[in-house]
Amino acid sequence: MSMHPQPALTAESFEALFMHGFEGACLHAQGLIQRANPALEAIFGAAPGALNGLSLASLVEPGHAGLLSDLLARADGSTHELKAQGPAPLLLEARFISLGQGQGLALLRDLTERRAREAALRQHALYDAVTGLPNRSLLLERLGRALGEGPAPDSILLVGVLDLDRFKMVNQSLGQGLGDGLLRDVARRIQRVLRQSDLLARLGGDSFGLVLAGFKRREDTLSAARKVLEALQAPFTAREQPVHLEGSLGYALYPGQGPDAASILRQAEVAMLKAKTLGRNRVQGYEEGMEAGQVDRLSREQELRLAIERCEFELFYQPQVDGSGQIQGMEALVRWRHPQKGLLMPDTFIPLAEETRLILPLGDWLLHEACRQGKAWLDQGLAPVSISVNLSAQQFQKPDLPGQISRILEQTGFLADYLDLEITESMAMQDPYFAMAMLKELVSMNLSSSLDDFGKGYSSLAYLMRFPVKTLKLDQSFVQEIGKDEKSAAIIRAAIDLAHQLGMKVVAEGVETREQLEHLRGQGCDKLQGFLFSRALPAAEVALHLAKGKIELTF
């Protein structure tokens, strides 16, 4: 915190802030509006001067009049939410500040759109975009709640996993659009044979989850599971042609198996895989010892879980430079400093982390550590550079991601201006509308965003123009083909031209040769990254380069 005294706000400065600020504001005398600024008039859809003379109480819903009265009496600058009346119902963030002698300043900000975005983000995070069903996260949440409450006396709960057999072949022959339509038809079929109290979720791909409760006999659970498979027997229709689908269904029962939501769902998945190995299109219950073939995987999962708890991970940083070697940024890359195996690269543990959802706590740590280190470099007096952090798909889909990043920035003291969040092209295109909403929310916080692996996936240019990203990162597979494949050179040239026309910067990854450097320089590539300049380095070594401000080119 600065120890320098802050200059007093002059009347002219106050007037400028009042009239031109983005936040709604009014001066009032004992709750009667004397003067409202244009931002407040815009919130309520009022003509200039139309709010003057009205009481603040007339703007809020009757049920919030008492809260408004209390806030006006306190006038301590604290923040509260008020429901207001306007052309449409409004939710306002309100602060009231006393100016003495019955005079006061009211500051009001419209939260309606933000709350709607948060609701939309939660919908995306907890429900499947294709079928509208709950997703894996919501199934685990509800199953955990059911297990926590405990089953009714003499009641059996079934958790099932249904995987459609050979659906990928059907999807490839029909195309994704018709394949998605088939998944919706499958969901409707299954729901017809379930009770209102049962839960059906889409776990991902062609896999569905079931939670069926309230059975008295084990035979009844098996009968319910068989009804789900029988619902698929009649052919579906696509392009006016019959499509035959089958499925393998595995289940686990509670009490008897578990003990927690994640464990019992995993046991159901193991049983489903067993059903597939036995010939598919069958129902298979979980049995003790069925996971013997997965002992190694479970052991590695537990090892990874403990590594996260013990903070055995370390961030390395690879410089991003311009054509002359001047440092333009750093990409944070995680390493696992294993107590027995030494330094492990990401490809040895990230796939398992994503599969087990341990990528979420690992990703949270990575974000925090990158910001902490960035602030440490600034405190050492080193020139500020942006730090790029890769987000996993699971992180990007969290509805509270913007709030989490805000908390991390506040805790570490790092500036949002220097944090760049990278998502892959395929992540953005899985649900473009969700990606646009999330990216806009992040950009509104002064964060930068980059589209990684560009050219490797299937971006639509129409969406690309609407994504609020500042940087495209060329996939290194194109860079490695420079001088070998004219098609790759053409793609690089087109991508750089397109990015510059859209006001974006371009980073080329995997630069390893002088020829690649010269080619990318000639095409106007903004930033370069690769072993030609530097490998990924520990933070202490990075500080030495930051002190110089550049990577010395020795060729």
Protein backbone atom coordinates (compact mmCIF):
# COMPACT_ATOMS: atom_id res chain seq x y z
CA MET A 1 0.00 0.00 0.00
CA SER A 2 1.31 3.43 -0.92
CA MET A 3 2.29 5.68 1.99
CA HIS A 4 1.96 8.85 -0.08
CA PRO A 5 -1.02 11.04 0.87
CA GLN A 6 -3.82 10.98 -1.68
CA PRO A 7 -4.75 14.40 -3.15
CA ALA A 8 -8.20 15.73 -2.30
CA LEU A 9 -10.84 15.40 -4.99
CA THR A 10 -11.52 18.83 -6.48
CA ALA A 11 -15.02 20.04 -7.30
CA GLU A 12 -14.16 19.90 -11.01
CA SER A 13 -12.94 16.29 -10.72
CA PHE A 14 -16.02 15.24 -8.78
CA GLU A 15 -18.27 16.84 -11.40
CA ALA A 16 -16.46 14.99 -14.21
CA LEU A 17 -16.68 11.67 -12.40
CA PHE A 18 -20.32 12.25 -11.52
CA MET A 19 -21.46 13.18 -15.01
CA HIS A 20 -19.33 10.86 -17.10
CA GLY A 21 -18.81 7.81 -14.87
CA PHE A 22 -20.19 4.43 -15.90
CA GLU A 23 -21.78 3.94 -12.47
CA GLY A 24 -25.25 5.33 -11.82
CA ALA A 25 -25.15 8.08 -9.19
CA CYS A 26 -27.38 10.73 -7.67
CA LEU A 27 -27.15 13.40 -5.01
CA HIS A 28 -30.08 13.26 -2.59
CA ALA A 29 -31.45 15.09 0.42
CA GLN A 30 -33.00 12.72 2.97
CA GLY A 31 -33.88 10.27 0.21
CA LEU A 32 -35.19 12.79 -2.35
CA ILE A 33 -33.18 12.88 -5.58
CA GLN A 34 -31.76 16.32 -6.23
CA ARG A 35 -29.67 15.41 -9.25
CA ALA A 36 -29.15 12.15 -11.17
CA ASN A 37 -26.34 11.49 -13.60
CA PRO A 38 -26.87 10.15 -17.16
CA ALA A 39 -25.76 6.62 -16.18
CA LEU A 40 -28.52 6.39 -13.55
CA GLU A 41 -31.09 7.76 -15.96
CA ALA A 42 -30.01 5.12 -18.50
CA ILE A 43 -30.46 2.33 -15.94
CA PHE A 44 -34.10 3.32 -15.40
CA GLY A 45 -34.77 4.37 -18.99
CA ALA A 46 -35.55 7.89 -17.85
CA ALA A 47 -35.31 11.11 -19.83
CA PRO A 48 -32.71 13.71 -18.73
CA GLY A 49 -33.87 15.31 -15.48
CA ALA A 50 -36.88 12.97 -15.12
CA LEU A 51 -35.56 11.37 -11.89
CA ASN A 52 -34.91 14.68 -10.16
CA GLY A 53 -37.39 15.26 -7.35
CA LEU A 54 -38.37 11.60 -7.02
CA SER A 55 -37.74 9.68 -3.84
CA LEU A 56 -35.25 6.82 -3.92
CA ALA A 57 -37.95 4.69 -2.31
CA SER A 58 -40.12 5.09 -5.42
CA LEU A 59 -37.42 3.38 -7.50
CA VAL A 60 -37.15 0.17 -5.48
CA GLU A 61 -39.63 -2.67 -5.12
CA PRO A 62 -41.93 -2.31 -2.08
CA GLY A 63 -40.37 -5.35 -0.45
CA HIS A 64 -36.97 -3.60 -0.40
CA ALA A 65 -38.19 -0.25 0.90
CA GLY A 66 -37.25 -1.17 4.48
CA LEU A 67 -33.73 -2.19 3.47
CA LEU A 68 -33.35 1.06 1.54
CA SER A 69 -34.40 3.05 4.60
CA ASP A 70 -31.82 1.27 6.77
CA LEU A 71 -29.05 1.82 4.19
CA LEU A 72 -29.87 5.53 3.90
CA ALA A 73 -29.75 5.85 7.69
CA ARG A 74 -26.35 4.12 7.89
CA ALA A 75 -24.82 5.65 4.76
CA ASP A 76 -21.52 3.91 5.51
CA GLY A 77 -20.52 3.08 1.93
CA SER A 78 -21.10 -0.65 2.32
CA THR A 79 -22.37 -2.58 -0.71
CA HIS A 80 -25.80 -4.20 -0.81
CA GLU A 81 -28.16 -5.54 -3.43
CA LEU A 82 -31.57 -3.96 -4.02
CA LYS A 83 -34.40 -4.95 -6.31
CA ALA A 84 -35.57 -1.93 -8.26
CA GLN A 85 -38.46 -1.05 -10.54
CA GLY A 86 -37.91 0.01 -14.11
CA PRO A 87 -38.88 -0.93 -17.68
CA ALA A 88 -37.98 -4.44 -16.54
CA PRO A 89 -37.16 -5.84 -13.07
CA LEU A 90 -33.69 -4.70 -12.04
CA LEU A 91 -31.13 -5.94 -9.56
CA LEU A 92 -28.88 -3.15 -8.33
CA GLU A 93 -25.65 -3.04 -6.38
CA ALA A 94 -26.13 -0.04 -4.11
CA ARG A 95 -23.86 2.08 -1.92
CA PHE A 96 -24.90 5.12 0.09
CA ILE A 97 -22.43 7.71 1.38
CA SER A 98 -23.26 10.52 3.77
CA LEU A 99 -22.16 14.02 2.77
CA GLY A 100 -23.43 15.58 6.02
CA GLN A 101 -26.44 17.75 6.93
CA GLY A 102 -28.94 15.30 5.47
CA GLN A 103 -27.18 15.24 2.10
CA GLY A 104 -25.94 12.03 0.55
CA LEU A 105 -24.51 10.31 -2.52
CA ALA A 106 -26.11 7.13 -3.88
CA LEU A 107 -24.08 4.90 -6.21
CA LEU A 108 -26.07 2.28 -8.13
CA ARG A 109 -24.83 -0.36 -10.56
CA ASP A 110 -27.10 -2.59 -12.66
CA LEU A 111 -26.33 -6.25 -11.89
CA THR A 112 -29.20 -7.70 -13.93
CA GLU A 113 -27.17 -8.68 -16.98
CA ARG A 114 -24.29 -10.02 -14.88
CA ARG A 115 -26.63 -12.26 -12.88
CA ALA A 116 -28.18 -13.52 -16.10
CA ARG A 117 -24.70 -14.34 -17.42
CA GLU A 118 -23.85 -16.14 -14.18
CA ALA A 119 -27.05 -18.17 -14.46
CA ALA A 120 -26.19 -19.02 -18.07
CA LEU A 121 -22.66 -20.03 -17.08
CA ARG A 122 -24.03 -22.26 -14.31
CA GLN A 123 -26.42 -23.83 -16.82
CA HIS A 124 -23.47 -24.56 -19.11
CA ALA A 125 -21.39 -25.91 -16.24
CA LEU A 126 -23.99 -28.30 -14.82
CA TYR A 127 -26.09 -29.31 -17.82
CA ASP A 128 -25.17 -30.96 -21.08
CA ALA A 129 -25.53 -28.59 -24.04
CA VAL A 130 -26.68 -31.30 -26.49
CA THR A 131 -29.34 -33.18 -24.51
CA GLY A 132 -30.19 -30.68 -21.77
CA LEU A 133 -29.58 -33.42 -19.19
CA PRO A 134 -27.56 -32.92 -16.01
CA ASN A 135 -23.85 -33.56 -16.60
CA ARG A 136 -21.33 -35.59 -14.59
CA SER A 137 -20.71 -32.79 -12.09
CA LEU A 138 -24.39 -32.38 -11.26
CA LEU A 139 -24.93 -36.15 -11.07
CA LEU A 140 -22.07 -36.44 -8.56
CA GLU A 141 -23.41 -33.49 -6.61
CA ARG A 142 -26.91 -34.97 -6.32
CA LEU A 143 -25.62 -38.48 -5.70
CA GLY A 144 -23.33 -37.18 -2.95
CA ARG A 145 -26.30 -35.42 -1.35
CA ALA A 146 -28.36 -38.63 -1.51
CA LEU A 147 -25.55 -40.68 0.05
CA GLY A 148 -25.04 -38.04 2.74
CA GLU A 149 -28.70 -38.12 3.70
CA GLY A 150 -28.53 -41.91 3.86
CA PRO A 151 -30.90 -44.35 2.17
CA ALA A 152 -34.35 -45.01 3.56
CA PRO A 153 -34.58 -48.17 5.72
CA ASP A 154 -34.40 -51.34 3.63
CA SER A 155 -33.95 -49.22 0.50
CA ILE A 156 -31.47 -49.87 -2.32
CA LEU A 157 -29.97 -47.23 -4.59
CA LEU A 158 -28.64 -48.11 -8.05
CA VAL A 159 -26.00 -46.06 -9.87
CA GLY A 160 -25.66 -47.05 -13.51
CA VAL A 161 -23.50 -46.11 -16.48
CA LEU A 162 -24.83 -46.78 -19.99
CA ASP A 163 -22.43 -46.57 -22.91
CA LEU A 164 -23.79 -46.85 -26.44
CA ASP A 165 -22.02 -49.61 -28.36
CA ARG A 166 -20.16 -48.54 -31.50
CA PHE A 167 -21.86 -45.14 -31.50
CA LYS A 168 -18.73 -43.46 -32.82
CA MET A 169 -19.11 -45.37 -36.09
CA VAL A 170 -22.74 -44.25 -36.36
CA ASN A 171 -21.77 -40.66 -35.55
CA GLN A 172 -19.02 -40.63 -38.19
CA SER A 173 -21.34 -41.94 -40.88
CA LEU A 174 -24.20 -39.55 -40.07
CA GLY A 175 -22.26 -36.43 -39.12
CA GLN A 176 -22.19 -34.64 -35.77
CA GLY A 177 -25.52 -32.84 -36.24
CA LEU A 178 -27.55 -36.01 -36.77
CA GLY A 179 -25.45 -37.80 -34.14
CA ASP A 180 -26.43 -35.17 -31.58
CA GLY A 181 -30.05 -35.63 -32.60
CA LEU A 182 -29.75 -39.37 -31.95
CA LEU A 183 -28.33 -38.70 -28.48
CA ARG A 184 -31.36 -36.54 -27.72
CA ASP A 185 -33.65 -39.33 -28.96
CA VAL A 186 -31.83 -41.84 -26.74
CA ALA A 187 -32.29 -39.54 -23.73
CA ARG A 188 -36.03 -39.21 -24.41
CA ARG A 189 -36.42 -42.99 -24.79
CA ILE A 190 -34.69 -43.70 -21.49
CA GLN A 191 -36.64 -41.02 -19.62
CA ARG A 192 -39.90 -42.68 -20.67
CA VAL A 193 -39.02 -45.83 -18.69
CA LEU A 194 -37.73 -43.96 -15.63
CA ARG A 195 -39.72 -42.68 -12.69
CA GLN A 196 -40.01 -38.98 -11.93
CA SER A 197 -37.68 -39.43 -8.94
CA ASP A 198 -34.93 -41.05 -11.03
CA LEU A 199 -31.98 -39.09 -12.40
CA LEU A 200 -30.59 -39.41 -15.93
CA ALA A 201 -27.40 -37.54 -16.84
CA ARG A 202 -25.05 -37.38 -19.80
CA LEU A 203 -21.52 -38.15 -18.64
CA GLY A 204 -19.91 -37.21 -21.95
CA GLY A 205 -19.66 -38.62 -25.46
CA ASP A 206 -22.15 -41.47 -25.79
CA SER A 207 -22.17 -42.29 -22.07
CA PHE A 208 -25.16 -41.74 -19.75
CA GLY A 209 -25.42 -41.96 -15.97
CA LEU A 210 -28.36 -43.18 -13.90
CA VAL A 211 -29.33 -42.81 -10.25
CA LEU A 212 -32.36 -44.93 -9.32
CA ALA A 213 -33.45 -45.02 -5.68
CA GLY A 214 -36.14 -46.59 -3.52
CA PHE A 215 -35.89 -50.28 -4.42
CA LYS A 216 -36.70 -52.93 -1.80
CA ARG A 217 -35.18 -55.95 -3.54
CA ARG A 218 -32.03 -56.44 -5.60
CA GLU A 219 -34.15 -58.17 -8.25
CA ASP A 220 -36.08 -54.94 -8.75
CA THR A 221 -32.88 -52.99 -9.41
CA LEU A 222 -31.84 -55.47 -12.11
CA SER A 223 -35.29 -55.24 -13.69
CA ALA A 224 -35.06 -51.43 -13.81
CA ALA A 225 -31.63 -51.59 -15.41
CA ARG A 226 -32.86 -54.03 -18.06
CA LYS A 227 -35.76 -51.72 -18.93
CA VAL A 228 -33.24 -49.03 -19.80
CA LEU A 229 -31.51 -51.31 -22.31
CA GLU A 230 -34.84 -52.53 -23.68
CA ALA A 231 -35.79 -48.92 -24.41
CA LEU A 232 -33.11 -48.92 -27.12
CA GLN A 233 -34.39 -52.00 -28.95
CA ALA A 234 -36.77 -50.29 -31.37
CA PRO A 235 -34.84 -48.66 -34.23
CA PHE A 236 -34.25 -44.91 -34.23
CA THR A 237 -34.62 -42.80 -37.36
CA ALA A 238 -32.06 -40.60 -39.11
CA ARG A 239 -32.34 -39.33 -42.69
CA GLU A 240 -35.59 -41.31 -42.87
CA GLN A 241 -33.55 -44.48 -42.40
CA PRO A 242 -33.68 -46.86 -39.40
CA VAL A 243 -30.68 -46.75 -37.08
CA HIS A 244 -30.18 -49.61 -34.62
CA LEU A 245 -28.45 -48.82 -31.34
CA GLU A 246 -27.38 -51.05 -28.48
CA GLY A 247 -25.73 -50.31 -25.17
CA SER A 248 -23.67 -51.80 -22.36
CA LEU A 249 -24.92 -50.96 -18.90
CA GLY A 250 -22.92 -51.38 -15.70
CA TYR A 251 -24.25 -50.67 -12.25
CA ALA A 252 -23.25 -50.57 -8.59
CA LEU A 253 -25.56 -50.71 -5.57
CA TYR A 254 -25.69 -48.78 -2.33
CA PRO A 255 -25.50 -49.80 0.46
CA GLY A 256 -22.89 -52.42 -0.23
CA GLN A 257 -20.65 -50.50 -2.58
CA GLY A 258 -19.23 -47.00 -2.64
CA PRO A 259 -18.64 -45.52 -0.10
CA ASP A 260 -18.78 -42.08 -1.71
CA ALA A 261 -20.33 -40.69 -4.90
CA ALA A 262 -17.13 -40.72 -6.96
CA SER A 263 -16.30 -44.29 -5.90
CA ILE A 264 -19.70 -45.76 -6.66
CA LEU A 265 -19.85 -44.04 -10.05
CA ARG A 266 -16.38 -45.37 -10.87
CA GLN A 267 -17.52 -48.88 -9.86
CA ALA A 268 -20.49 -48.57 -12.22
CA GLU A 269 -18.10 -47.52 -15.01
CA VAL A 270 -15.88 -50.53 -14.29
CA ALA A 271 -18.95 -52.79 -14.51
CA MET A 272 -19.91 -51.15 -17.83
CA LEU A 273 -16.45 -51.86 -19.24
CA LYS A 274 -16.80 -55.47 -18.09
CA ALA A 275 -20.14 -55.69 -19.94
CA LYS A 276 -18.39 -54.56 -23.12
CA THR A 277 -15.65 -57.17 -22.76
CA LEU A 278 -18.32 -59.88 -22.30
CA GLY A 279 -19.92 -59.09 -25.66
CA ARG A 280 -21.78 -55.78 -25.25
CA ASN A 281 -25.54 -55.17 -25.17
CA ARG A 282 -25.89 -56.50 -21.65
CA VAL A 283 -26.35 -55.45 -18.04
CA GLN A 284 -23.49 -56.11 -15.64
CA GLY A 285 -23.36 -55.46 -11.90
CA TYR A 286 -20.18 -54.49 -10.11
CA GLU A 287 -18.38 -57.28 -8.26
CA GLU A 288 -15.49 -57.16 -5.83
CA GLY A 289 -12.17 -57.68 -7.57
CA MET A 290 -13.47 -56.33 -10.89
CA GLU A 291 -11.10 -53.40 -10.59
CA ALA A 292 -8.01 -55.60 -10.36
CA GLY A 293 -6.99 -54.57 -13.86
CA GLN A 294 -7.19 -50.93 -12.80
CA VAL A 295 -5.05 -51.21 -9.68
CA ASP A 296 -2.12 -49.46 -11.33
CA ARG A 297 -4.33 -46.63 -12.59
CA LEU A 298 -5.93 -46.16 -9.17
CA SER A 299 -2.50 -46.20 -7.57
CA ARG A 300 -1.32 -43.48 -9.95
CA GLU A 301 -4.47 -41.47 -9.27
CA GLN A 302 -3.87 -41.63 -5.52
CA GLU A 303 -0.22 -40.70 -6.03
CA LEU A 304 -1.28 -37.69 -8.10
CA ARG A 305 -3.84 -36.69 -5.49
CA LEU A 306 -1.19 -36.76 -2.75
CA ALA A 307 1.25 -34.82 -4.95
CA ILE A 308 -1.30 -32.03 -5.25
CA GLU A 309 -1.85 -32.01 -1.49
CA ARG A 310 1.94 -31.95 -0.89
CA CYS A 311 2.62 -29.26 -3.54
CA GLU A 312 5.13 -31.40 -5.43
CA PHE A 313 4.60 -29.34 -8.59
CA GLU A 314 6.69 -26.51 -9.94
CA LEU A 315 6.17 -23.98 -12.68
CA PHE A 316 8.77 -23.48 -15.39
CA TYR A 317 8.54 -20.54 -17.79
CA GLN A 318 9.35 -20.44 -21.49
CA PRO A 319 10.11 -16.98 -22.90
CA GLN A 320 8.19 -15.52 -25.83
CA VAL A 321 10.35 -13.11 -27.81
CA ASP A 322 10.15 -10.89 -30.85
CA GLY A 323 12.40 -11.33 -33.88
CA SER A 324 15.33 -9.57 -32.15
CA GLY A 325 15.12 -11.59 -28.95
CA GLN A 326 13.35 -8.96 -26.82
CA ILE A 327 11.22 -10.72 -24.21
CA GLN A 328 7.50 -10.16 -24.82
CA GLY A 329 6.01 -12.66 -22.39
CA MET A 330 6.30 -15.99 -20.58
CA GLU A 331 4.28 -19.19 -20.80
CA ALA A 332 3.86 -21.02 -17.50
CA LEU A 333 4.42 -24.79 -17.88
CA VAL A 334 3.88 -27.22 -15.03
CA ARG A 335 6.34 -29.93 -13.96
CA TRP A 336 5.97 -32.63 -11.30
CA ARG A 337 9.06 -32.91 -9.11
CA HIS A 338 8.45 -36.54 -8.13
CA PRO A 339 10.30 -37.62 -4.99
CA GLN A 340 11.46 -40.89 -6.61
CA LYS A 341 11.19 -40.38 -10.38
CA GLY A 342 12.59 -36.87 -10.59
CA LEU A 343 11.22 -34.14 -12.84
CA LEU A 344 8.19 -35.35 -14.83
CA MET A 345 6.86 -33.63 -17.94
CA PRO A 346 3.14 -32.76 -18.31
CA ASP A 347 2.33 -35.55 -20.79
CA THR A 348 3.05 -38.11 -18.03
CA PHE A 349 0.37 -36.82 -15.63
CA ILE A 350 -1.96 -34.25 -17.26
CA PRO A 351 -4.11 -36.87 -19.12
CA LEU A 352 -4.69 -38.72 -15.82
CA ALA A 353 -5.43 -35.42 -14.06
CA GLU A 354 -8.07 -34.57 -16.67
CA GLU A 355 -9.62 -38.03 -16.55
CA THR A 356 -9.93 -37.95 -12.75
CA ARG A 357 -10.89 -34.23 -12.56
CA LEU A 358 -7.78 -33.62 -10.45
CA ILE A 359 -6.98 -31.09 -13.15
CA LEU A 360 -9.25 -28.69 -11.26
CA PRO A 361 -7.22 -28.41 -8.03
CA LEU A 362 -4.00 -28.65 -10.05
CA GLY A 363 -5.18 -25.88 -12.38
CA ASP A 364 -6.21 -23.73 -9.42
CA TRP A 365 -2.72 -24.09 -7.94
CA LEU A 366 -1.11 -23.31 -11.30
CA LEU A 367 -3.09 -20.07 -11.69
CA HIS A 368 -2.26 -18.96 -8.16
CA GLU A 369 1.43 -19.83 -8.46
CA ALA A 370 1.84 -18.05 -11.80
CA CYS A 371 0.29 -14.87 -10.37
CA ARG A 372 2.35 -15.15 -7.18
CA GLN A 373 5.57 -15.50 -9.19
CA GLY A 374 4.63 -12.65 -11.50
CA LYS A 375 4.13 -10.37 -8.51
CA ALA A 376 7.45 -11.53 -7.02
CA TRP A 377 9.27 -10.53 -10.23
CA LEU A 378 7.60 -7.12 -10.15
CA ASP A 379 8.61 -6.68 -6.50
CA GLN A 380 12.21 -7.41 -7.55
CA GLY A 381 12.00 -4.39 -9.87
CA LEU A 382 12.01 -6.48 -13.06
CA ALA A 383 10.19 -5.21 -16.12
CA PRO A 384 6.60 -6.49 -16.25
CA VAL A 385 5.77 -9.13 -18.85
CA SER A 386 2.57 -11.02 -19.49
CA ILE A 387 2.35 -14.57 -18.15
CA SER A 388 0.34 -17.06 -20.20
CA VAL A 389 -1.49 -19.81 -18.31
CA ASN A 390 -3.19 -22.73 -20.04
CA LEU A 391 -6.74 -23.46 -18.89
CA SER A 392 -8.11 -26.99 -19.05
CA ALA A 393 -11.56 -27.56 -20.53
CA GLN A 394 -12.89 -28.38 -17.06
CA GLN A 395 -11.53 -25.14 -15.62
CA PHE A 396 -12.91 -23.09 -18.49
CA GLN A 397 -16.39 -24.55 -17.95
CA LYS A 398 -16.52 -23.59 -14.26
CA PRO A 399 -19.18 -20.87 -13.79
CA ASP A 400 -17.21 -19.23 -10.98
CA LEU A 401 -13.94 -19.01 -12.99
CA PRO A 402 -14.05 -15.17 -13.22
CA GLY A 403 -14.67 -14.89 -9.47
CA GLN A 404 -11.90 -17.36 -8.71
CA ILE A 405 -9.40 -15.42 -10.83
CA SER A 406 -10.45 -12.16 -9.14
CA ARG A 407 -9.74 -13.72 -5.74
CA ILE A 408 -6.34 -15.01 -6.89
CA LEU A 409 -5.35 -11.59 -8.23
CA GLU A 410 -6.44 -9.97 -4.97
CA GLN A 411 -4.57 -12.53 -2.86
CA THR A 412 -1.34 -12.28 -4.85
CA GLY A 413 -1.41 -8.60 -5.78
CA PHE A 414 -0.69 -9.46 -9.42
CA LEU A 415 -2.22 -7.19 -12.07
CA ALA A 416 -4.90 -8.53 -14.39
CA ASP A 417 -3.26 -6.64 -17.28
CA TYR A 418 -0.31 -9.08 -17.22
CA LEU A 419 -2.28 -12.35 -17.02
CA ASP A 420 -3.05 -14.10 -20.32
CA LEU A 421 -5.40 -17.10 -20.29
CA GLU A 422 -4.96 -19.68 -23.04
CA ILE A 423 -7.72 -21.97 -24.27
CA THR A 424 -7.40 -24.37 -27.16
CA GLU A 425 -9.22 -23.91 -30.44
CA SER A 426 -11.16 -27.17 -29.89
CA MET A 427 -12.29 -26.04 -26.42
CA ALA A 428 -13.70 -22.82 -27.85
CA MET A 429 -15.54 -24.63 -30.63
CA GLN A 430 -17.16 -27.26 -28.41
CA ASP A 431 -19.70 -24.62 -27.40
CA PRO A 432 -18.93 -21.33 -29.15
CA TYR A 433 -21.72 -19.36 -27.47
CA PHE A 434 -20.57 -20.40 -24.01
CA ALA A 435 -16.95 -19.65 -24.96
CA MET A 436 -17.89 -16.17 -26.16
CA ALA A 437 -19.83 -15.42 -22.96
CA MET A 438 -17.01 -16.65 -20.72
CA LEU A 439 -14.29 -14.85 -22.68
CA LYS A 440 -16.24 -11.58 -22.63
CA GLU A 441 -16.58 -11.90 -18.86
CA LEU A 442 -12.84 -12.45 -18.49
CA VAL A 443 -11.95 -9.61 -20.86
CA SER A 444 -14.20 -7.28 -18.84
CA MET A 445 -11.77 -7.90 -15.96
CA ASN A 446 -8.84 -6.57 -18.07
CA LEU A 447 -7.52 -10.08 -18.62
CA SER A 448 -6.06 -11.11 -21.98
CA SER A 449 -6.97 -14.34 -23.73
CA SER A 450 -5.25 -16.45 -26.39
CA LEU A 451 -6.45 -19.18 -28.72
CA ASP A 452 -3.94 -22.02 -28.57
CA ASP A 453 -3.21 -24.74 -31.18
CA PHE A 454 -4.71 -22.56 -33.91
CA GLY A 455 -5.03 -24.38 -37.24
CA LYS A 456 -5.07 -27.80 -35.61
CA GLY A 457 -8.81 -27.88 -34.99
CA TYR A 458 -11.83 -26.67 -36.88
CA SER A 459 -12.43 -23.01 -36.12
CA SER A 460 -15.23 -21.21 -37.92
CA LEU A 461 -14.02 -17.83 -39.11
CA ALA A 462 -17.44 -16.40 -38.26
CA TYR A 463 -16.91 -17.34 -34.61
CA LEU A 464 -13.25 -16.39 -34.62
CA MET A 465 -14.14 -12.80 -35.49
CA ARG A 466 -16.45 -12.68 -32.47
CA PHE A 467 -14.14 -14.26 -29.91
CA PRO A 468 -12.55 -11.48 -27.80
CA VAL A 469 -9.08 -12.98 -27.99
CA LYS A 470 -5.93 -10.90 -28.37
CA THR A 471 -3.56 -13.61 -29.54
CA LEU A 472 -3.53 -16.63 -31.84
CA LYS A 473 -0.93 -19.31 -31.13
CA LEU A 474 0.08 -21.23 -34.23
CA ASP A 475 0.25 -24.96 -33.61
CA GLN A 476 3.89 -26.07 -33.67
CA SER A 477 3.13 -28.82 -36.18
CA PHE A 478 2.93 -26.10 -38.86
CA VAL A 479 6.14 -24.44 -37.69
CA GLN A 480 8.04 -27.73 -37.85
CA GLU A 481 7.03 -28.18 -41.51
CA ILE A 482 8.54 -24.86 -42.63
CA GLY A 483 10.88 -25.58 -45.52
CA LYS A 484 9.35 -29.05 -45.98
CA ASP A 485 5.70 -28.46 -46.83
CA GLU A 486 4.36 -25.52 -48.87
CA LYS A 487 0.85 -26.10 -47.51
CA SER A 488 2.03 -25.43 -43.96
CA ALA A 489 3.76 -22.25 -45.11
CA ALA A 490 0.54 -21.12 -46.80
CA ILE A 491 -1.49 -21.81 -43.65
CA ILE A 492 1.00 -19.83 -41.55
CA ARG A 493 0.88 -16.90 -43.95
CA ALA A 494 -2.93 -16.90 -44.05
CA ALA A 495 -3.25 -17.22 -40.25
CA ILE A 496 -0.88 -14.30 -39.62
CA ASP A 497 -2.65 -12.10 -42.18
CA LEU A 498 -6.07 -13.01 -40.76
CA ALA A 499 -5.00 -12.36 -37.17
CA HIS A 500 -3.50 -8.96 -38.01
CA GLN A 501 -6.63 -7.94 -39.92
CA LEU A 502 -8.66 -8.81 -36.80
CA GLY A 503 -6.30 -6.81 -34.57
CA MET A 504 -4.71 -9.88 -32.98
CA LYS A 505 -1.10 -10.82 -32.30
CA VAL A 506 0.39 -14.14 -33.39
CA VAL A 507 2.70 -16.43 -31.40
CA ALA A 508 4.52 -19.24 -33.20
CA GLU A 509 5.37 -22.19 -30.95
CA GLY A 510 8.07 -24.79 -31.41
CA VAL A 511 10.62 -22.59 -33.20
CA GLU A 512 13.80 -24.67 -33.31
CA THR A 513 15.79 -23.66 -36.40
CA ARG A 514 17.23 -20.51 -37.97
CA GLU A 515 15.22 -21.24 -41.13
CA GLN A 516 11.95 -21.28 -39.17
CA LEU A 517 12.91 -18.02 -37.46
CA GLU A 518 13.71 -16.23 -40.72
CA HIS A 519 10.50 -17.45 -42.36
CA LEU A 520 8.33 -16.32 -39.44
CA ARG A 521 10.15 -12.98 -39.27
CA GLY A 522 9.43 -12.47 -42.96
CA GLN A 523 5.73 -13.17 -42.41
CA GLY A 524 5.51 -10.60 -39.61
CA CYS A 525 4.93 -13.05 -36.76
CA ASP A 526 4.73 -11.02 -33.54
CA LYS A 527 6.12 -13.46 -30.98
CA LEU A 528 8.29 -16.56 -31.19
CA GLN A 529 8.68 -19.38 -28.71
CA GLY A 530 10.83 -22.48 -28.80
CA PHE A 531 14.14 -24.17 -28.07
CA LEU A 532 15.95 -21.93 -30.55
CA PHE A 533 15.67 -19.16 -27.94
CA SER A 534 15.24 -21.00 -24.67
CA ARG A 535 13.85 -24.12 -23.10
CA ALA A 536 11.35 -23.75 -20.25
CA LEU A 537 13.27 -22.44 -17.23
CA PRO A 538 12.87 -22.39 -13.45
CA ALA A 539 11.73 -19.05 -12.06
CA ALA A 540 15.20 -18.14 -10.74
CA GLU A 541 16.78 -18.47 -14.20
CA VAL A 542 13.93 -16.53 -15.80
CA ALA A 543 14.68 -13.61 -13.48
CA LEU A 544 18.20 -13.35 -14.98
CA HIS A 545 16.77 -13.02 -18.48
CA LEU A 546 14.13 -10.54 -17.34
CA ALA A 547 16.87 -8.39 -15.83
CA LYS A 548 18.47 -8.19 -19.31
CA GLY A 549 15.10 -7.79 -21.04
CA LYS A 550 16.06 -10.09 -23.90
CA ILE A 551 17.34 -13.48 -24.95
CA GLU A 552 20.75 -13.19 -26.59
CA LEU A 553 20.67 -14.78 -30.05
CA THR A 554 23.96 -16.61 -30.56
CA PHE A 555 23.57 -17.58 -34.21
